[in-house]
Amino acid sequence: MLKPALLRKTLMDAVPQFRNDPDKLKLYIEHGNVISTLAPSLSHEHQYTLAVTIINFSGSVNAVFVPILSWLRCHQPDGMSNPDMRQDAFTYEIDILNNEACDIEITLKLTERTVVSEDDTGNLNARDVGEPPSPYDRHGPFHMEGVNGSEWTV
């Protein structure tokens, strides 16, 4: 699967705290399903929840949420465009530890396609494929409360 690593890279690039202490950022795949049909190929879709756990985070949660929203726009656009999906495509819980730090648990509902093809010798080849190109691909500086956070590409 491609999306967990792509999101990790986006967050590592966008949030200086993660670059300085990468152990603050943990990603887990939960509640995964493989959706397949009796179509001629074994191509299928993975549906899963990506849990993003951030430990002892200080600063505005928007420093994390804005890069995720930008990433979702490119890598899971139906979570924003489909009214039935957007209600729980991106959810979170925050445990306030003290006046300066919190733990954040984010859940993202994601899907990924795997294309399975057969070569001339009968071997099956599986290939994870990303979303089609998005008109929302963007990169640039991310500023939070007057502080340049970073530059990132989604």
C-alpha atoms as a PDB file:
ATOM      1  CA  MET A   1       0.000   0.000   0.000  1.00  0.00           C
ATOM      2  CA  LEU A   2       1.210   3.456  -0.889  1.00  0.00           C
ATOM      3  CA  LYS A   3      -0.812   5.968   1.105  1.00  0.00           C
ATOM      4  CA  PRO A   4       0.579   5.474   4.644  1.00  0.00           C
ATOM      5  CA  ALA A   5       4.153   6.156   3.489  1.00  0.00           C
ATOM      6  CA  LEU A   6       3.021   9.126   1.380  1.00  0.00           C
ATOM      7  CA  LEU A   7       1.187  10.670   4.331  1.00  0.00           C
ATOM      8  CA  ARG A   8       4.133  10.065   6.660  1.00  0.00           C
ATOM      9  CA  LYS A   9       6.423  11.886   4.220  1.00  0.00           C
ATOM     10  CA  THR A  10       3.994  14.800   3.946  1.00  0.00           C
ATOM     11  CA  LEU A  11       3.783  15.161   7.727  1.00  0.00           C
ATOM     12  CA  MET A  12       7.525  14.754   8.258  1.00  0.00           C
ATOM     13  CA  ASP A  13       8.157  17.492   5.688  1.00  0.00           C
ATOM     14  CA  ALA A  14       5.441  19.817   7.010  1.00  0.00           C
ATOM     15  CA  VAL A  15       5.814  19.590  10.795  1.00  0.00           C
ATOM     16  CA  PRO A  16       9.225  20.486  12.250  1.00  0.00           C
ATOM     17  CA  GLN A  17       8.487  18.595  15.511  1.00  0.00           C
ATOM     18  CA  PHE A  18       8.333  15.323  13.560  1.00  0.00           C
ATOM     19  CA  ARG A  19      11.640  15.963  11.814  1.00  0.00           C
ATOM     20  CA  ASN A  20      13.272  16.673  15.173  1.00  0.00           C
ATOM     21  CA  ASP A  21      11.630  13.679  16.897  1.00  0.00           C
ATOM     22  CA  PRO A  22      10.186  11.187  14.371  1.00  0.00           C
ATOM     23  CA  ASP A  23       9.035   8.860  17.170  1.00  0.00           C
ATOM     24  CA  LYS A  24       6.232  11.352  17.934  1.00  0.00           C
ATOM     25  CA  LEU A  25       4.467  10.204  14.740  1.00  0.00           C
ATOM     26  CA  LYS A  26       3.040   6.672  14.506  1.00  0.00           C
ATOM     27  CA  LEU A  27       0.826   5.245  11.748  1.00  0.00           C
ATOM     28  CA  TYR A  28      -1.284   2.074  11.957  1.00  0.00           C
ATOM     29  CA  ILE A  29      -3.661   0.380   9.537  1.00  0.00           C
ATOM     30  CA  GLU A  30      -6.898  -0.775  11.179  1.00  0.00           C
ATOM     31  CA  HIS A  31     -10.164  -2.365  10.044  1.00  0.00           C
ATOM     32  CA  GLY A  32      -8.846  -3.375   6.630  1.00  0.00           C
ATOM     33  CA  ASN A  33     -11.047  -5.008   4.003  1.00  0.00           C
ATOM     34  CA  VAL A  34     -10.177  -6.382   0.590  1.00  0.00           C
ATOM     35  CA  ILE A  35     -12.977  -5.816  -1.906  1.00  0.00           C
ATOM     36  CA  SER A  36     -12.859  -8.128  -4.906  1.00  0.00           C
ATOM     37  CA  THR A  37     -15.341  -9.417  -7.465  1.00  0.00           C
ATOM     38  CA  LEU A  38     -15.521 -12.340  -9.857  1.00  0.00           C
ATOM     39  CA  ALA A  39     -14.073 -10.156 -12.626  1.00  0.00           C
ATOM     40  CA  PRO A  40     -11.551 -11.889 -14.910  1.00  0.00           C
ATOM     41  CA  SER A  41      -8.555 -10.413 -13.064  1.00  0.00           C
ATOM     42  CA  LEU A  42      -7.748 -10.542  -9.367  1.00  0.00           C
ATOM     43  CA  SER A  43      -7.529  -6.748  -9.173  1.00  0.00           C
ATOM     44  CA  HIS A  44      -9.044  -5.466  -5.962  1.00  0.00           C
ATOM     45  CA  GLU A  45      -9.473  -2.537  -3.608  1.00  0.00           C
ATOM     46  CA  HIS A  46      -8.181  -2.136  -0.070  1.00  0.00           C
ATOM     47  CA  GLN A  47     -10.481  -0.217   2.279  1.00  0.00           C
ATOM     48  CA  TYR A  48      -9.001   0.632   5.652  1.00  0.00           C
ATOM     49  CA  THR A  49      -8.718   3.130   8.445  1.00  0.00           C
ATOM     50  CA  LEU A  50      -5.330   4.756   8.836  1.00  0.00           C
ATOM     51  CA  ALA A  51      -4.746   5.674  12.478  1.00  0.00           C
ATOM     52  CA  VAL A  52      -2.255   8.490  12.949  1.00  0.00           C
ATOM     53  CA  THR A  53      -1.028   8.803  16.527  1.00  0.00           C
ATOM     54  CA  ILE A  54       0.906  11.899  17.543  1.00  0.00           C
ATOM     55  CA  ILE A  55       2.526  11.846  20.959  1.00  0.00           C
ATOM     56  CA  ASN A  56       3.316  14.872  23.124  1.00  0.00           C
ATOM     57  CA  PHE A  57       2.551  17.455  20.423  1.00  0.00           C
ATOM     58  CA  SER A  58       2.942  21.138  21.259  1.00  0.00           C
ATOM     59  CA  GLY A  59       1.486  23.941  19.187  1.00  0.00           C
ATOM     60  CA  SER A  60      -1.669  24.356  17.170  1.00  0.00           C
ATOM     61  CA  VAL A  61      -3.319  21.191  15.855  1.00  0.00           C
ATOM     62  CA  ASN A  62      -3.794  23.091  12.587  1.00  0.00           C
ATOM     63  CA  ALA A  63      -0.068  22.620  11.966  1.00  0.00           C
ATOM     64  CA  VAL A  64      -0.977  18.931  11.503  1.00  0.00           C
ATOM     65  CA  PHE A  65      -4.547  19.181  10.183  1.00  0.00           C
ATOM     66  CA  VAL A  66      -3.846  21.560   7.275  1.00  0.00           C
ATOM     67  CA  PRO A  67      -1.142  19.364   5.671  1.00  0.00           C
ATOM     68  CA  ILE A  68      -3.441  16.336   6.095  1.00  0.00           C
ATOM     69  CA  LEU A  69      -6.321  18.165   4.404  1.00  0.00           C
ATOM     70  CA  SER A  70      -4.041  19.136   1.538  1.00  0.00           C
ATOM     71  CA  TRP A  71      -2.845  15.528   1.255  1.00  0.00           C
ATOM     72  CA  LEU A  72      -6.418  14.162   1.317  1.00  0.00           C
ATOM     73  CA  ARG A  73      -7.412  16.537  -1.470  1.00  0.00           C
ATOM     74  CA  CYS A  74      -4.903  14.779  -3.733  1.00  0.00           C
ATOM     75  CA  HIS A  75      -4.808  11.225  -2.382  1.00  0.00           C
ATOM     76  CA  GLN A  76      -8.389  10.586  -1.217  1.00  0.00           C
ATOM     77  CA  PRO A  77     -10.494  13.302  -2.889  1.00  0.00           C
ATOM     78  CA  ASP A  78     -13.788  11.410  -2.563  1.00  0.00           C
ATOM     79  CA  GLY A  79     -13.484  11.841   1.196  1.00  0.00           C
ATOM     80  CA  MET A  80     -13.974  15.562   0.628  1.00  0.00           C
ATOM     81  CA  SER A  81     -16.191  15.604  -2.457  1.00  0.00           C
ATOM     82  CA  ASN A  82     -18.743  12.947  -1.462  1.00  0.00           C
ATOM     83  CA  PRO A  83     -21.226  14.275   1.145  1.00  0.00           C
ATOM     84  CA  ASP A  84     -21.887  10.764   2.483  1.00  0.00           C
ATOM     85  CA  MET A  85     -18.187  10.118   3.063  1.00  0.00           C
ATOM     86  CA  ARG A  86     -16.950  13.465   4.338  1.00  0.00           C
ATOM     87  CA  GLN A  87     -18.625  13.163   7.753  1.00  0.00           C
ATOM     88  CA  ASP A  88     -16.188  10.502   8.934  1.00  0.00           C
ATOM     89  CA  ALA A  89     -13.368  10.585   6.376  1.00  0.00           C
ATOM     90  CA  PHE A  90     -11.158  12.529   8.840  1.00  0.00           C
ATOM     91  CA  THR A  91     -11.870  12.271  12.558  1.00  0.00           C
ATOM     92  CA  TYR A  92      -9.749  12.893  15.625  1.00  0.00           C
ATOM     93  CA  GLU A  93      -9.491  12.744  19.398  1.00  0.00           C
ATOM     94  CA  ILE A  94      -7.176  14.846  21.540  1.00  0.00           C
ATOM     95  CA  ASP A  95      -5.868  14.050  25.011  1.00  0.00           C
ATOM     96  CA  ILE A  96      -4.725  17.319  26.612  1.00  0.00           C
ATOM     97  CA  LEU A  97      -1.652  16.458  28.679  1.00  0.00           C
ATOM     98  CA  ASN A  98      -0.927  19.915  30.100  1.00  0.00           C
ATOM     99  CA  ASN A  99      -1.068  23.570  29.035  1.00  0.00           C
ATOM    100  CA  GLU A 100       1.515  23.008  26.315  1.00  0.00           C
ATOM    101  CA  ALA A 101       1.177  19.466  24.984  1.00  0.00           C
ATOM    102  CA  CYS A 102      -1.366  16.921  23.829  1.00  0.00           C
ATOM    103  CA  ASP A 103      -1.642  13.490  22.255  1.00  0.00           C
ATOM    104  CA  ILE A 104      -3.637  13.392  19.019  1.00  0.00           C
ATOM    105  CA  GLU A 105      -5.329  10.346  17.486  1.00  0.00           C
ATOM    106  CA  ILE A 106      -6.449  10.918  13.886  1.00  0.00           C
ATOM    107  CA  THR A 107      -8.388   8.397  11.807  1.00  0.00           C
ATOM    108  CA  LEU A 108      -8.599   8.600   8.033  1.00  0.00           C
ATOM    109  CA  LYS A 109     -10.845   6.374   5.905  1.00  0.00           C
ATOM    110  CA  LEU A 110      -8.754   5.399   2.880  1.00  0.00           C
ATOM    111  CA  THR A 111      -8.960   3.180  -0.179  1.00  0.00           C
ATOM    112  CA  GLU A 112      -6.266   1.906  -2.519  1.00  0.00           C
ATOM    113  CA  ARG A 113      -6.394  -0.064  -5.729  1.00  0.00           C
ATOM    114  CA  THR A 114      -4.246  -3.054  -6.612  1.00  0.00           C
ATOM    115  CA  VAL A 115      -4.079  -4.053 -10.262  1.00  0.00           C
ATOM    116  CA  VAL A 116      -3.297  -7.730 -10.863  1.00  0.00           C
ATOM    117  CA  SER A 117      -2.228  -8.826 -14.322  1.00  0.00           C
ATOM    118  CA  GLU A 118      -1.036 -12.094 -15.792  1.00  0.00           C
ATOM    119  CA  ASP A 119       2.089 -12.223 -17.944  1.00  0.00           C
ATOM    120  CA  ASP A 120       2.672 -14.506 -20.939  1.00  0.00           C
ATOM    121  CA  THR A 121       3.979 -17.311 -18.726  1.00  0.00           C
ATOM    122  CA  GLY A 122       0.961 -17.271 -16.401  1.00  0.00           C
ATOM    123  CA  ASN A 123       2.645 -15.465 -13.506  1.00  0.00           C
ATOM    124  CA  LEU A 124       0.435 -13.021 -11.626  1.00  0.00           C
ATOM    125  CA  ASN A 125       1.826  -9.540 -11.012  1.00  0.00           C
ATOM    126  CA  ALA A 126       0.259  -7.238  -8.413  1.00  0.00           C
ATOM    127  CA  ARG A 127       0.854  -3.488  -8.556  1.00  0.00           C
ATOM    128  CA  ASP A 128      -0.461  -0.868  -6.136  1.00  0.00           C
ATOM    129  CA  VAL A 129      -1.674   2.204  -8.012  1.00  0.00           C
ATOM    130  CA  GLY A 130      -2.288   5.700  -6.733  1.00  0.00           C
ATOM    131  CA  GLU A 131      -5.170   8.026  -7.381  1.00  0.00           C
ATOM    132  CA  PRO A 132      -5.568   9.497 -10.855  1.00  0.00           C
ATOM    133  CA  PRO A 133      -3.816  12.876 -11.260  1.00  0.00           C
ATOM    134  CA  SER A 134      -5.560  15.588  -9.296  1.00  0.00           C
ATOM    135  CA  PRO A 135      -6.073  19.210 -10.275  1.00  0.00           C
ATOM    136  CA  TYR A 136      -5.339  20.015  -6.619  1.00  0.00           C
ATOM    137  CA  ASP A 137      -1.693  18.887  -6.565  1.00  0.00           C
ATOM    138  CA  ARG A 138       0.205  21.676  -4.918  1.00  0.00           C
ATOM    139  CA  HIS A 139       3.259  22.443  -2.877  1.00  0.00           C
ATOM    140  CA  GLY A 140       4.610  25.449  -1.141  1.00  0.00           C
ATOM    141  CA  PRO A 141       5.427  27.037   2.161  1.00  0.00           C
ATOM    142  CA  PHE A 142       3.213  26.274   5.105  1.00  0.00           C
ATOM    143  CA  HIS A 143       2.869  29.140   7.572  1.00  0.00           C
ATOM    144  CA  MET A 144       1.274  28.723  10.967  1.00  0.00           C
ATOM    145  CA  GLU A 145       0.701  31.724  13.205  1.00  0.00           C
ATOM    146  CA  GLY A 146       3.428  33.716  11.482  1.00  0.00           C
ATOM    147  CA  VAL A 147       6.037  30.963  11.694  1.00  0.00           C
ATOM    148  CA  ASN A 148       7.228  29.259   8.533  1.00  0.00           C
ATOM    149  CA  GLY A 149       6.612  25.592   9.261  1.00  0.00           C
ATOM    150  CA  SER A 150       8.065  24.032   6.183  1.00  0.00           C
ATOM    151  CA  GLU A 151       7.585  23.315   2.527  1.00  0.00           C
ATOM    152  CA  TRP A 152       5.992  20.096   1.401  1.00  0.00           C
ATOM    153  CA  THR A 153       4.635  18.383  -1.651  1.00  0.00           C
ATOM    154  CA  VAL A 154       1.557  16.191  -1.574  1.00  0.00           C
END
